[in-house]
Amino acid sequence: MDDPEYAQARRDLVADIRRRLDVSDTVLSAIEAVPRHAFVPDDRRAHAYEDRPLPIGHDQTISAPHMVAIMTDLLDLERGDRVFEVGTGCGYHAAVLAGVVGPRNVFTAEYVPELAEAARDRLDRLGYDVTVYAGDAREAFREEPPFAAASVTCAPDDGVPESIVDRVQTGGRVVAPVGTDRGGQRLVRLTVRDDGIEPEDHGGVRFVPMR
């Protein structure tokens, strides 16, 4: 059963994000429903509902909730859409996505095997029906039909790899941070069109690099 203190902390967090950002109620409801404290290391639980990234080991982080809200909102998802996530980490972002699109519709790949295994166990234990692949995202879910969207939670240096964009159906969207710490990173949304890719820039961000 959820601790009432954590539940109130989530409500306060969502109220704060709502004041600062123009994101959908659907996305905010998903964030309010996900117990972020269950996705962070035990020694970080006191900070779980602060709106900032936190370390999760292996030089990786759990993204700040406001950034999860922004990225999920930019995907413009509907219930039943199938989503490909690159960079599972602890599984928090995948859980939020699942709250939007429903069970069995989120497919997520994690390069670090220890993180993939831990995320799979955590998501299962918490009741999120998410498919987790351990290994290189370029090889993940090759047998699956095209996805409605892709969410990339780690930053490629020189643009989103074609191997990820190619997994998204026409009319679908890819949201990703692109760039380096030294040169700066930008959050981009790519919409797949019949005649090419339509890019949009959504401002400066900072993410761990893609591996």
N, C-alpha and C. Protein backbone atom coordinates (compact mmCIF):
# COMPACT_ATOMS: atom_id res chain seq x y z
N MET A 1 0.85 -1.20 0.00
CA MET A 1 0.00 0.00 0.00
C MET A 1 0.88 1.25 0.00
N ASP A 2 0.51 2.26 -0.78
CA ASP A 2 1.31 3.47 -0.88
C ASP A 2 1.30 4.27 0.42
N ASP A 3 2.46 4.73 0.84
CA ASP A 3 2.57 5.57 2.03
C ASP A 3 1.86 6.90 1.76
N PRO A 4 0.96 7.33 2.65
CA PRO A 4 0.24 8.60 2.43
C PRO A 4 1.18 9.79 2.25
N GLU A 5 2.34 9.74 2.91
CA GLU A 5 3.30 10.84 2.78
C GLU A 5 3.84 10.92 1.35
N TYR A 6 4.14 9.76 0.76
CA TYR A 6 4.61 9.74 -0.62
C TYR A 6 3.50 10.19 -1.58
N ALA A 7 2.27 9.74 -1.32
CA ALA A 7 1.16 10.12 -2.19
C ALA A 7 0.96 11.63 -2.18
N GLN A 8 1.06 12.24 -1.02
CA GLN A 8 0.93 13.70 -0.94
C GLN A 8 2.09 14.38 -1.64
N ALA A 9 3.29 13.83 -1.49
CA ALA A 9 4.46 14.40 -2.16
C ALA A 9 4.29 14.38 -3.67
N ARG A 10 3.69 13.30 -4.21
CA ARG A 10 3.44 13.23 -5.64
C ARG A 10 2.42 14.27 -6.07
N ARG A 11 1.38 14.42 -5.28
CA ARG A 11 0.37 15.44 -5.62
C ARG A 11 1.00 16.84 -5.62
N ASP A 12 1.85 17.11 -4.65
CA ASP A 12 2.51 18.42 -4.59
C ASP A 12 3.44 18.61 -5.79
N LEU A 13 4.16 17.55 -6.15
CA LEU A 13 5.06 17.61 -7.30
C LEU A 13 4.28 17.92 -8.57
N VAL A 14 3.18 17.21 -8.78
CA VAL A 14 2.37 17.41 -10.00
C VAL A 14 1.76 18.81 -10.01
N ALA A 15 1.33 19.29 -8.87
CA ALA A 15 0.79 20.65 -8.80
C ALA A 15 1.85 21.68 -9.19
N ASP A 16 3.07 21.45 -8.75
CA ASP A 16 4.16 22.36 -9.09
C ASP A 16 4.47 22.32 -10.59
N ILE A 17 4.52 21.12 -11.17
CA ILE A 17 4.77 21.00 -12.61
C ILE A 17 3.64 21.66 -13.39
N ARG A 18 2.41 21.47 -12.96
CA ARG A 18 1.26 22.07 -13.64
C ARG A 18 1.36 23.60 -13.66
N ARG A 19 1.84 24.18 -12.56
CA ARG A 19 1.99 25.64 -12.51
C ARG A 19 3.04 26.14 -13.49
N ARG A 20 4.08 25.34 -13.71
CA ARG A 20 5.23 25.80 -14.49
C ARG A 20 5.19 25.42 -15.96
N LEU A 21 4.49 24.34 -16.29
CA LEU A 21 4.56 23.80 -17.64
C LEU A 21 3.17 23.59 -18.22
N ASP A 22 3.10 23.70 -19.53
CA ASP A 22 1.87 23.42 -20.26
C ASP A 22 1.93 22.01 -20.81
N VAL A 23 1.58 21.03 -19.97
CA VAL A 23 1.54 19.64 -20.41
C VAL A 23 0.16 19.08 -20.10
N SER A 24 -0.17 17.98 -20.75
CA SER A 24 -1.54 17.47 -20.68
C SER A 24 -1.86 16.88 -19.31
N ASP A 25 -3.14 16.90 -18.98
CA ASP A 25 -3.61 16.27 -17.75
C ASP A 25 -3.35 14.76 -17.77
N THR A 26 -3.40 14.17 -18.95
CA THR A 26 -3.14 12.73 -19.06
C THR A 26 -1.73 12.40 -18.59
N VAL A 27 -0.77 13.18 -19.03
CA VAL A 27 0.62 12.96 -18.64
C VAL A 27 0.80 13.22 -17.15
N LEU A 28 0.23 14.30 -16.66
CA LEU A 28 0.36 14.62 -15.23
C LEU A 28 -0.29 13.56 -14.35
N SER A 29 -1.41 13.02 -14.80
CA SER A 29 -2.07 11.95 -14.04
C SER A 29 -1.18 10.71 -13.98
N ALA A 30 -0.50 10.41 -15.08
CA ALA A 30 0.41 9.27 -15.09
C ALA A 30 1.57 9.48 -14.13
N ILE A 31 2.12 10.69 -14.10
CA ILE A 31 3.22 10.98 -13.18
C ILE A 31 2.75 10.89 -11.73
N GLU A 32 1.56 11.38 -11.47
CA GLU A 32 1.04 11.31 -10.10
C GLU A 32 0.80 9.87 -9.65
N ALA A 33 0.55 8.98 -10.59
CA ALA A 33 0.25 7.59 -10.25
C ALA A 33 1.50 6.74 -10.03
N VAL A 34 2.64 7.17 -10.55
CA VAL A 34 3.85 6.34 -10.48
C VAL A 34 4.64 6.65 -9.20
N PRO A 35 4.92 5.64 -8.38
CA PRO A 35 5.66 5.85 -7.13
C PRO A 35 7.16 6.02 -7.39
N ARG A 36 7.58 7.25 -7.65
CA ARG A 36 8.99 7.48 -8.01
C ARG A 36 9.94 6.98 -6.92
N HIS A 37 9.50 7.00 -5.67
CA HIS A 37 10.38 6.55 -4.59
C HIS A 37 10.76 5.08 -4.75
N ALA A 38 9.93 4.29 -5.45
CA ALA A 38 10.23 2.87 -5.65
C ALA A 38 11.25 2.65 -6.76
N PHE A 39 11.61 3.71 -7.49
CA PHE A 39 12.55 3.60 -8.60
C PHE A 39 13.93 4.17 -8.29
N VAL A 40 14.11 4.73 -7.10
CA VAL A 40 15.41 5.32 -6.73
C VAL A 40 16.06 4.45 -5.67
N PRO A 41 17.39 4.53 -5.55
CA PRO A 41 18.06 3.77 -4.48
C PRO A 41 17.52 4.16 -3.11
N ASP A 42 17.59 3.22 -2.18
CA ASP A 42 17.03 3.45 -0.84
C ASP A 42 17.57 4.71 -0.19
N ASP A 43 18.87 4.98 -0.40
CA ASP A 43 19.45 6.15 0.26
C ASP A 43 19.07 7.46 -0.41
N ARG A 44 18.28 7.40 -1.48
CA ARG A 44 17.81 8.61 -2.17
C ARG A 44 16.30 8.83 -2.02
N ARG A 45 15.64 7.96 -1.28
CA ARG A 45 14.18 8.04 -1.22
C ARG A 45 13.67 9.34 -0.61
N ALA A 46 14.43 9.92 0.29
CA ALA A 46 14.00 11.19 0.88
C ALA A 46 13.94 12.30 -0.16
N HIS A 47 14.63 12.11 -1.28
CA HIS A 47 14.68 13.13 -2.34
C HIS A 47 13.85 12.73 -3.56
N ALA A 48 13.08 11.65 -3.46
CA ALA A 48 12.41 11.09 -4.63
C ALA A 48 11.46 12.05 -5.31
N TYR A 49 10.83 12.95 -4.53
CA TYR A 49 9.84 13.84 -5.13
C TYR A 49 10.33 15.27 -5.26
N GLU A 50 11.65 15.43 -5.21
CA GLU A 50 12.25 16.69 -5.63
C GLU A 50 12.36 16.66 -7.15
N ASP A 51 12.11 17.77 -7.78
CA ASP A 51 12.06 17.80 -9.24
C ASP A 51 13.47 17.96 -9.81
N ARG A 52 14.23 16.89 -9.69
CA ARG A 52 15.61 16.90 -10.21
C ARG A 52 16.04 15.46 -10.48
N PRO A 53 17.07 15.31 -11.34
CA PRO A 53 17.59 13.96 -11.57
C PRO A 53 18.31 13.44 -10.33
N LEU A 54 18.38 12.12 -10.21
CA LEU A 54 19.08 11.49 -9.11
C LEU A 54 19.92 10.33 -9.65
N PRO A 55 21.08 10.06 -9.06
CA PRO A 55 21.90 8.93 -9.53
C PRO A 55 21.26 7.60 -9.19
N ILE A 56 21.41 6.64 -10.11
CA ILE A 56 20.86 5.30 -9.89
C ILE A 56 21.94 4.23 -10.04
N GLY A 57 23.22 4.64 -10.13
CA GLY A 57 24.31 3.70 -10.30
C GLY A 57 24.71 3.55 -11.76
N HIS A 58 25.91 2.99 -11.97
CA HIS A 58 26.43 2.76 -13.32
C HIS A 58 26.53 4.05 -14.14
N ASP A 59 26.78 5.16 -13.45
CA ASP A 59 26.90 6.48 -14.09
C ASP A 59 25.63 6.90 -14.82
N GLN A 60 24.50 6.42 -14.36
CA GLN A 60 23.21 6.77 -14.96
C GLN A 60 22.35 7.50 -13.94
N THR A 61 21.29 8.15 -14.43
CA THR A 61 20.40 8.90 -13.55
C THR A 61 18.94 8.61 -13.88
N ILE A 62 18.08 8.88 -12.92
CA ILE A 62 16.64 8.96 -13.15
C ILE A 62 16.34 10.41 -13.48
N SER A 63 15.62 10.64 -14.58
CA SER A 63 15.37 12.00 -15.05
C SER A 63 14.48 12.77 -14.07
N ALA A 64 14.62 14.10 -14.09
CA ALA A 64 13.74 14.95 -13.30
C ALA A 64 12.30 14.77 -13.78
N PRO A 65 11.34 14.74 -12.87
CA PRO A 65 9.94 14.54 -13.28
C PRO A 65 9.44 15.54 -14.31
N HIS A 66 9.85 16.81 -14.21
CA HIS A 66 9.37 17.78 -15.20
C HIS A 66 9.87 17.43 -16.60
N MET A 67 11.09 16.86 -16.69
CA MET A 67 11.60 16.48 -18.00
C MET A 67 10.87 15.26 -18.55
N VAL A 68 10.54 14.33 -17.67
CA VAL A 68 9.72 13.18 -18.09
C VAL A 68 8.36 13.68 -18.60
N ALA A 69 7.79 14.67 -17.92
CA ALA A 69 6.51 15.23 -18.35
C ALA A 69 6.63 15.88 -19.72
N ILE A 70 7.67 16.67 -19.92
CA ILE A 70 7.86 17.35 -21.21
C ILE A 70 8.02 16.35 -22.34
N MET A 71 8.92 15.37 -22.14
CA MET A 71 9.19 14.41 -23.20
C MET A 71 7.97 13.55 -23.53
N THR A 72 7.26 13.12 -22.50
CA THR A 72 6.06 12.30 -22.73
C THR A 72 4.98 13.11 -23.44
N ASP A 73 4.82 14.38 -23.05
CA ASP A 73 3.82 15.22 -23.69
C ASP A 73 4.15 15.45 -25.16
N LEU A 74 5.43 15.64 -25.48
CA LEU A 74 5.83 15.88 -26.86
C LEU A 74 5.56 14.67 -27.76
N LEU A 75 5.52 13.48 -27.18
CA LEU A 75 5.21 12.29 -27.98
C LEU A 75 3.76 12.27 -28.45
N ASP A 76 2.88 13.03 -27.79
CA ASP A 76 1.48 13.17 -28.19
C ASP A 76 0.81 11.80 -28.32
N LEU A 77 0.90 11.03 -27.24
CA LEU A 77 0.44 9.64 -27.26
C LEU A 77 -1.04 9.52 -26.94
N GLU A 78 -1.61 8.42 -27.41
CA GLU A 78 -2.98 8.05 -27.07
C GLU A 78 -2.97 6.64 -26.49
N ARG A 79 -4.03 6.32 -25.74
CA ARG A 79 -4.17 4.98 -25.20
C ARG A 79 -4.09 3.95 -26.32
N GLY A 80 -3.27 2.94 -26.14
CA GLY A 80 -3.13 1.90 -27.14
C GLY A 80 -1.96 2.09 -28.08
N ASP A 81 -1.35 3.28 -28.10
CA ASP A 81 -0.14 3.49 -28.92
C ASP A 81 0.99 2.63 -28.38
N ARG A 82 1.83 2.14 -29.29
CA ARG A 82 2.99 1.34 -28.91
C ARG A 82 4.23 2.22 -28.97
N VAL A 83 5.03 2.17 -27.90
CA VAL A 83 6.17 3.08 -27.75
C VAL A 83 7.46 2.28 -27.58
N PHE A 84 8.50 2.73 -28.27
CA PHE A 84 9.85 2.17 -28.14
C PHE A 84 10.67 3.17 -27.33
N GLU A 85 11.16 2.73 -26.16
CA GLU A 85 12.01 3.59 -25.34
C GLU A 85 13.45 3.11 -25.41
N VAL A 86 14.36 4.04 -25.58
CA VAL A 86 15.79 3.74 -25.59
C VAL A 86 16.41 4.31 -24.32
N GLY A 87 16.88 3.42 -23.45
CA GLY A 87 17.47 3.85 -22.18
C GLY A 87 16.50 3.66 -21.02
N THR A 88 16.31 2.42 -20.61
CA THR A 88 15.36 2.11 -19.54
C THR A 88 15.77 2.71 -18.21
N GLY A 89 17.09 2.66 -17.92
CA GLY A 89 17.56 3.11 -16.62
C GLY A 89 16.90 2.31 -15.51
N CYS A 90 16.25 3.00 -14.57
CA CYS A 90 15.58 2.34 -13.46
C CYS A 90 14.15 1.92 -13.80
N GLY A 91 13.63 2.38 -14.94
CA GLY A 91 12.28 2.02 -15.36
C GLY A 91 11.22 3.06 -15.09
N TYR A 92 11.59 4.19 -14.48
CA TYR A 92 10.59 5.20 -14.11
C TYR A 92 9.88 5.79 -15.32
N HIS A 93 10.67 6.20 -16.32
CA HIS A 93 10.06 6.81 -17.50
C HIS A 93 9.16 5.82 -18.22
N ALA A 94 9.58 4.55 -18.27
CA ALA A 94 8.76 3.51 -18.90
C ALA A 94 7.43 3.35 -18.16
N ALA A 95 7.46 3.45 -16.83
CA ALA A 95 6.23 3.34 -16.05
C ALA A 95 5.28 4.48 -16.36
N VAL A 96 5.82 5.69 -16.50
CA VAL A 96 4.97 6.84 -16.85
C VAL A 96 4.37 6.64 -18.24
N LEU A 97 5.20 6.21 -19.19
CA LEU A 97 4.69 5.94 -20.53
C LEU A 97 3.57 4.90 -20.50
N ALA A 98 3.77 3.84 -19.69
CA ALA A 98 2.75 2.80 -19.58
C ALA A 98 1.46 3.35 -18.99
N GLY A 99 1.58 4.33 -18.10
CA GLY A 99 0.39 4.96 -17.54
C GLY A 99 -0.41 5.72 -18.58
N VAL A 100 0.25 6.15 -19.65
CA VAL A 100 -0.42 6.89 -20.72
C VAL A 100 -0.99 5.93 -21.77
N VAL A 101 -0.17 4.97 -22.22
CA VAL A 101 -0.58 4.14 -23.36
C VAL A 101 -1.18 2.80 -22.96
N GLY A 102 -1.03 2.41 -21.70
CA GLY A 102 -1.63 1.17 -21.23
C GLY A 102 -0.66 0.00 -21.23
N PRO A 103 -1.07 -1.12 -20.64
CA PRO A 103 -0.19 -2.28 -20.50
C PRO A 103 0.15 -2.92 -21.84
N ARG A 104 1.35 -3.53 -21.87
CA ARG A 104 1.87 -4.27 -23.04
C ARG A 104 2.14 -3.40 -24.24
N ASN A 105 2.22 -2.08 -24.05
CA ASN A 105 2.45 -1.18 -25.17
C ASN A 105 3.79 -0.44 -25.09
N VAL A 106 4.56 -0.68 -24.03
CA VAL A 106 5.87 -0.04 -23.90
C VAL A 106 6.96 -1.10 -24.03
N PHE A 107 7.89 -0.85 -24.96
CA PHE A 107 9.02 -1.73 -25.22
C PHE A 107 10.29 -0.91 -24.99
N THR A 108 11.10 -1.32 -24.02
CA THR A 108 12.21 -0.48 -23.61
C THR A 108 13.52 -1.26 -23.61
N ALA A 109 14.59 -0.62 -24.05
CA ALA A 109 15.90 -1.26 -24.15
C ALA A 109 16.91 -0.56 -23.26
N GLU A 110 17.70 -1.36 -22.54
CA GLU A 110 18.72 -0.83 -21.64
C GLU A 110 20.06 -1.51 -21.92
N TYR A 111 21.10 -0.69 -22.15
CA TYR A 111 22.42 -1.20 -22.52
C TYR A 111 23.13 -1.88 -21.36
N VAL A 112 22.95 -1.37 -20.13
CA VAL A 112 23.63 -1.92 -18.96
C VAL A 112 22.83 -3.10 -18.43
N PRO A 113 23.37 -4.31 -18.47
CA PRO A 113 22.57 -5.49 -18.12
C PRO A 113 22.05 -5.47 -16.69
N GLU A 114 22.85 -4.96 -15.76
CA GLU A 114 22.39 -4.91 -14.37
C GLU A 114 21.18 -4.00 -14.20
N LEU A 115 21.20 -2.85 -14.89
CA LEU A 115 20.06 -1.95 -14.82
C LEU A 115 18.83 -2.56 -15.49
N ALA A 116 19.05 -3.23 -16.62
CA ALA A 116 17.92 -3.87 -17.32
C ALA A 116 17.25 -4.91 -16.44
N GLU A 117 18.04 -5.76 -15.80
CA GLU A 117 17.48 -6.80 -14.95
C GLU A 117 16.73 -6.20 -13.76
N ALA A 118 17.34 -5.19 -13.12
CA ALA A 118 16.70 -4.56 -11.97
C ALA A 118 15.41 -3.86 -12.38
N ALA A 119 15.43 -3.18 -13.53
CA ALA A 119 14.23 -2.48 -14.00
C ALA A 119 13.12 -3.47 -14.32
N ARG A 120 13.48 -4.57 -14.97
CA ARG A 120 12.47 -5.59 -15.30
C ARG A 120 11.81 -6.13 -14.03
N ASP A 121 12.63 -6.45 -13.04
CA ASP A 121 12.08 -6.97 -11.78
C ASP A 121 11.20 -5.92 -11.09
N ARG A 122 11.67 -4.69 -11.08
CA ARG A 122 10.94 -3.61 -10.40
C ARG A 122 9.59 -3.36 -11.09
N LEU A 123 9.61 -3.25 -12.39
CA LEU A 123 8.36 -3.00 -13.13
C LEU A 123 7.37 -4.14 -12.93
N ASP A 124 7.88 -5.37 -12.96
CA ASP A 124 7.00 -6.53 -12.73
C ASP A 124 6.40 -6.47 -11.33
N ARG A 125 7.23 -6.20 -10.36
CA ARG A 125 6.78 -6.18 -8.96
C ARG A 125 5.72 -5.11 -8.73
N LEU A 126 5.86 -3.98 -9.44
CA LEU A 126 4.93 -2.87 -9.26
C LEU A 126 3.69 -2.98 -10.16
N GLY A 127 3.66 -4.01 -11.00
CA GLY A 127 2.47 -4.25 -11.81
C GLY A 127 2.44 -3.57 -13.16
N TYR A 128 3.61 -3.14 -13.66
CA TYR A 128 3.67 -2.50 -14.98
C TYR A 128 4.03 -3.55 -16.02
N ASP A 129 3.14 -3.75 -16.98
CA ASP A 129 3.36 -4.75 -18.02
C ASP A 129 4.17 -4.12 -19.16
N VAL A 130 5.49 -4.04 -18.94
CA VAL A 130 6.43 -3.41 -19.86
C VAL A 130 7.44 -4.46 -20.31
N THR A 131 7.79 -4.46 -21.58
CA THR A 131 8.79 -5.40 -22.10
C THR A 131 10.17 -4.77 -22.08
N VAL A 132 11.10 -5.39 -21.36
CA VAL A 132 12.46 -4.85 -21.19
C VAL A 132 13.45 -5.72 -21.94
N TYR A 133 14.28 -5.08 -22.77
CA TYR A 133 15.33 -5.75 -23.53
C TYR A 133 16.68 -5.33 -22.97
N ALA A 134 17.54 -6.28 -22.68
CA ALA A 134 18.89 -6.00 -22.20
C ALA A 134 19.86 -6.06 -23.36
N GLY A 135 20.48 -4.92 -23.71
CA GLY A 135 21.43 -4.89 -24.81
C GLY A 135 21.29 -3.64 -25.65
N ASP A 136 21.93 -3.65 -26.79
CA ASP A 136 21.96 -2.51 -27.70
C ASP A 136 20.58 -2.27 -28.31
N ALA A 137 20.10 -1.06 -28.20
CA ALA A 137 18.76 -0.73 -28.71
C ALA A 137 18.65 -0.94 -30.21
N ARG A 138 19.76 -0.86 -30.92
CA ARG A 138 19.72 -1.06 -32.37
C ARG A 138 19.28 -2.47 -32.74
N GLU A 139 19.46 -3.40 -31.81
CA GLU A 139 19.10 -4.80 -32.08
C GLU A 139 17.80 -5.20 -31.40
N ALA A 140 17.21 -4.31 -30.62
CA ALA A 140 16.04 -4.65 -29.82
C ALA A 140 14.75 -4.64 -30.64
N PHE A 141 13.89 -5.60 -30.39
CA PHE A 141 12.52 -5.64 -30.90
C PHE A 141 12.45 -5.56 -32.43
N ARG A 142 13.41 -6.21 -33.07
CA ARG A 142 13.43 -6.20 -34.54
C ARG A 142 12.18 -6.86 -35.13
N GLU A 143 11.60 -7.79 -34.38
CA GLU A 143 10.45 -8.53 -34.90
C GLU A 143 9.14 -7.76 -34.74
N GLU A 144 9.18 -6.66 -34.01
CA GLU A 144 7.96 -5.89 -33.75
C GLU A 144 7.60 -5.00 -34.95
N PRO A 145 6.31 -4.78 -35.19
CA PRO A 145 5.91 -3.83 -36.24
C PRO A 145 6.29 -2.41 -35.82
N PRO A 146 6.24 -1.45 -36.75
CA PRO A 146 6.63 -0.07 -36.41
C PRO A 146 5.86 0.48 -35.23
N PHE A 147 6.55 1.30 -34.45
CA PHE A 147 5.96 1.90 -33.26
C PHE A 147 5.32 3.25 -33.59
N ALA A 148 4.39 3.67 -32.73
CA ALA A 148 3.78 4.99 -32.88
C ALA A 148 4.75 6.09 -32.49
N ALA A 149 5.71 5.77 -31.61
CA ALA A 149 6.64 6.79 -31.13
C ALA A 149 7.86 6.12 -30.53
N ALA A 150 8.93 6.91 -30.42
CA ALA A 150 10.13 6.47 -29.73
C ALA A 150 10.59 7.57 -28.79
N SER A 151 10.96 7.17 -27.57
CA SER A 151 11.45 8.10 -26.55
C SER A 151 12.88 7.71 -26.22
N VAL A 152 13.80 8.64 -26.41
CA VAL A 152 15.22 8.37 -26.19
C VAL A 152 15.67 9.15 -24.96
N THR A 153 16.15 8.44 -23.94
CA THR A 153 16.47 9.09 -22.67
C THR A 153 17.98 9.21 -22.43
N CYS A 154 18.74 9.11 -23.51
CA CYS A 154 20.19 9.31 -23.46
C CYS A 154 20.57 10.03 -24.74
N ALA A 155 21.67 10.78 -24.70
CA ALA A 155 21.95 11.72 -25.79
C ALA A 155 22.96 11.19 -26.80
N PRO A 156 22.54 10.95 -28.04
CA PRO A 156 23.50 10.69 -29.12
C PRO A 156 24.21 11.99 -29.50
N ASP A 157 25.47 11.86 -29.91
CA ASP A 157 26.26 13.05 -30.22
C ASP A 157 25.74 13.81 -31.43
N ASP A 158 25.44 13.08 -32.50
CA ASP A 158 25.24 13.72 -33.81
C ASP A 158 23.89 13.42 -34.43
N GLY A 159 22.85 13.45 -33.65
CA GLY A 159 21.53 13.19 -34.20
C GLY A 159 21.02 11.81 -33.83
N VAL A 160 19.72 11.64 -33.89
CA VAL A 160 19.11 10.36 -33.53
C VAL A 160 19.48 9.32 -34.59
N PRO A 161 20.01 8.17 -34.18
CA PRO A 161 20.39 7.14 -35.17
C PRO A 161 19.23 6.72 -36.05
N GLU A 162 19.53 6.48 -37.33
CA GLU A 162 18.49 6.04 -38.26
C GLU A 162 17.85 4.74 -37.82
N SER A 163 18.63 3.89 -37.13
CA SER A 163 18.10 2.60 -36.69
C SER A 163 16.98 2.76 -35.69
N ILE A 164 16.90 3.93 -35.02
CA ILE A 164 15.79 4.21 -34.10
C ILE A 164 14.64 4.87 -34.85
N VAL A 165 14.96 5.87 -35.66
CA VAL A 165 13.92 6.58 -36.43
C VAL A 165 13.18 5.60 -37.34
N ASP A 166 13.91 4.64 -37.90
CA ASP A 166 13.29 3.68 -38.82
C ASP A 166 12.29 2.76 -38.13
N ARG A 167 12.29 2.71 -36.80
CA ARG A 167 11.34 1.86 -36.08
C ARG A 167 9.97 2.53 -35.92
N VAL A 168 9.88 3.80 -36.32
CA VAL A 168 8.66 4.58 -36.06
C VAL A 168 7.84 4.70 -37.35
N GLN A 169 6.55 4.51 -37.22
CA GLN A 169 5.65 4.55 -38.38
C GLN A 169 5.49 5.97 -38.91
N THR A 170 5.03 6.06 -40.14
CA THR A 170 4.75 7.37 -40.74
C THR A 170 3.71 8.10 -39.91
N GLY A 171 4.00 9.36 -39.59
CA GLY A 171 3.15 10.15 -38.73
C GLY A 171 3.54 10.07 -37.27
N GLY A 172 4.46 9.14 -36.94
CA GLY A 172 4.91 8.97 -35.57
C GLY A 172 6.00 9.97 -35.19
N ARG A 173 6.35 9.95 -33.91
CA ARG A 173 7.28 10.95 -33.38
C ARG A 173 8.42 10.30 -32.61
N VAL A 174 9.58 10.94 -32.68
CA VAL A 174 10.73 10.57 -31.88
C VAL A 174 11.13 11.78 -31.05
N VAL A 175 11.27 11.60 -29.75
CA VAL A 175 11.73 12.68 -28.87
C VAL A 175 13.05 12.25 -28.26
N ALA A 176 14.07 13.12 -28.36
CA ALA A 176 15.40 12.74 -27.89
C ALA A 176 16.25 13.97 -27.58
N PRO A 177 17.16 13.85 -26.62
CA PRO A 177 18.20 14.86 -26.45
C PRO A 177 19.34 14.55 -27.43
N VAL A 178 19.90 15.57 -28.03
CA VAL A 178 20.98 15.37 -29.01
C VAL A 178 22.11 16.34 -28.70
N GLY A 179 23.34 15.84 -28.73
CA GLY A 179 24.50 16.69 -28.51
C GLY A 179 25.42 16.15 -27.43
N THR A 180 26.42 16.95 -27.08
CA THR A 180 27.41 16.55 -26.08
C THR A 180 27.42 17.54 -24.93
N ASP A 181 27.99 17.13 -23.80
CA ASP A 181 28.13 18.04 -22.66
C ASP A 181 28.94 19.26 -23.05
N ARG A 182 29.98 19.05 -23.83
CA ARG A 182 30.87 20.15 -24.21
C ARG A 182 30.20 21.10 -25.20
N GLY A 183 29.51 20.54 -26.18
CA GLY A 183 28.90 21.38 -27.21
C GLY A 183 27.48 21.80 -26.90
N GLY A 184 26.89 21.22 -25.86
CA GLY A 184 25.51 21.52 -25.52
C GLY A 184 24.55 20.51 -26.12
N GLN A 185 23.47 20.25 -25.43
CA GLN A 185 22.45 19.32 -25.91
C GLN A 185 21.13 20.06 -26.12
N ARG A 186 20.38 19.60 -27.11
CA ARG A 186 19.06 20.15 -27.41
C ARG A 186 18.05 19.02 -27.40
N LEU A 187 16.85 19.31 -26.90
CA LEU A 187 15.77 18.34 -26.97
C LEU A 187 15.07 18.53 -28.30
N VAL A 188 14.98 17.46 -29.08
CA VAL A 188 14.37 17.54 -30.40
C VAL A 188 13.18 16.60 -30.49
N ARG A 189 12.23 17.00 -31.33
CA ARG A 189 11.15 16.09 -31.71
C ARG A 189 11.20 15.93 -33.22
N LEU A 190 11.25 14.69 -33.67
CA LEU A 190 11.24 14.37 -35.09
C LEU A 190 9.91 13.73 -35.44
N THR A 191 9.23 14.27 -36.43
CA THR A 191 7.99 13.66 -36.91
C THR A 191 8.29 13.00 -38.25
N VAL A 192 7.94 11.72 -38.35
CA VAL A 192 8.23 10.94 -39.56
C VAL A 192 7.15 11.22 -40.60
N ARG A 193 7.58 11.76 -41.73
CA ARG A 193 6.66 12.05 -42.83
C ARG A 193 6.98 11.17 -44.03
N ASP A 194 6.04 11.08 -44.96
CA ASP A 194 6.28 10.30 -46.18
C ASP A 194 7.47 10.82 -46.96
N ASP A 195 7.68 12.14 -46.89
CA ASP A 195 8.76 12.76 -47.68
C ASP A 195 9.99 13.10 -46.85
N GLY A 196 10.09 12.57 -45.63
CA GLY A 196 11.27 12.83 -44.82
C GLY A 196 10.93 13.06 -43.36
N ILE A 197 11.87 13.69 -42.66
CA ILE A 197 11.75 13.92 -41.23
C ILE A 197 11.54 15.41 -40.96
N GLU A 198 10.54 15.73 -40.17
CA GLU A 198 10.27 17.11 -39.78
C GLU A 198 10.82 17.34 -38.36
N PRO A 199 11.91 18.14 -38.24
CA PRO A 199 12.50 18.34 -36.92
C PRO A 199 11.96 19.58 -36.20
N GLU A 200 11.95 19.52 -34.87
CA GLU A 200 11.61 20.66 -34.03
C GLU A 200 12.60 20.72 -32.88
N ASP A 201 12.99 21.93 -32.48
CA ASP A 201 13.90 22.14 -31.35
C ASP A 201 13.08 22.59 -30.14
N HIS A 202 13.28 21.91 -29.01
CA HIS A 202 12.52 22.24 -27.80
C HIS A 202 13.43 22.65 -26.63
N GLY A 203 14.57 23.22 -26.96
CA GLY A 203 15.38 23.85 -25.92
C GLY A 203 16.53 23.01 -25.40
N GLY A 204 17.36 23.66 -24.59
CA GLY A 204 18.55 23.04 -24.04
C GLY A 204 18.23 22.07 -22.91
N VAL A 205 18.96 20.96 -22.87
CA VAL A 205 18.79 19.94 -21.84
C VAL A 205 20.16 19.37 -21.48
N ARG A 206 20.16 18.46 -20.51
CA ARG A 206 21.38 17.76 -20.16
C ARG A 206 21.04 16.31 -19.78
N PHE A 207 21.55 15.37 -20.56
CA PHE A 207 21.31 13.95 -20.35
C PHE A 207 22.64 13.20 -20.39
N VAL A 208 22.63 11.99 -19.86
CA VAL A 208 23.81 11.13 -19.99
C VAL A 208 23.98 10.76 -21.46
N PRO A 209 25.21 10.51 -21.91
CA PRO A 209 25.41 10.18 -23.32
C PRO A 209 24.89 8.80 -23.69
N MET A 210 24.51 8.65 -24.94
CA MET A 210 24.12 7.33 -25.45
C MET A 210 25.35 6.44 -25.55
N ARG A 211 25.16 5.17 -25.16
CA ARG A 211 26.25 4.21 -25.22
C ARG A 211 25.99 3.19 -26.30
